[in-house]
Protein backbone atom coordinates (compact mmCIF):
# COMPACT_ATOMS: atom_id res chain seq x y z
CA UNK A 1 3.25 49.72 -1.72
CA UNK A 2 1.29 52.95 -2.12
CA UNK A 3 -0.95 53.27 -5.11
CA UNK A 4 0.09 56.28 -7.27
CA UNK A 5 -2.99 58.36 -8.82
CA UNK A 6 -4.33 57.05 -11.97
CA UNK A 7 -2.73 53.25 -11.43
CA UNK A 8 -5.32 51.07 -10.93
CA UNK A 9 -4.99 48.31 -7.82
CA UNK A 10 -4.62 45.74 -10.66
CA UNK A 11 -1.52 47.40 -12.13
CA UNK A 12 -0.04 47.41 -8.60
CA UNK A 13 -0.58 43.34 -7.93
CA UNK A 14 0.62 42.89 -11.27
CA UNK A 15 3.84 44.73 -10.78
CA UNK A 16 4.16 42.97 -7.24
CA UNK A 17 3.57 39.85 -8.92
CA UNK A 18 6.23 40.33 -11.76
CA UNK A 19 8.92 41.69 -8.89
CA UNK A 20 8.20 37.64 -7.07
CA UNK A 21 8.64 36.02 -10.43
CA UNK A 22 11.64 37.92 -11.19
CA UNK A 23 12.88 37.16 -7.68
CA UNK A 24 12.07 33.40 -7.93
CA UNK A 25 13.78 33.47 -11.17
CA UNK A 26 17.05 34.65 -9.45
CA UNK A 27 16.63 32.08 -6.70
CA UNK A 28 16.49 29.57 -9.11
CA UNK A 29 19.59 30.74 -10.92
CA UNK A 30 21.35 30.96 -7.41
CA UNK A 31 20.22 27.58 -6.28
CA UNK A 32 19.82 24.89 -8.69
CA UNK A 33 17.68 22.04 -8.31
């Protein structure tokens, strides 16, 4: 993932973590325990 100008590294990490969290939620819905 590239860093856009004016975007801090923390923002990028936060967005990536958010995406992973969303993917995890989707997996939970698809494969309930």
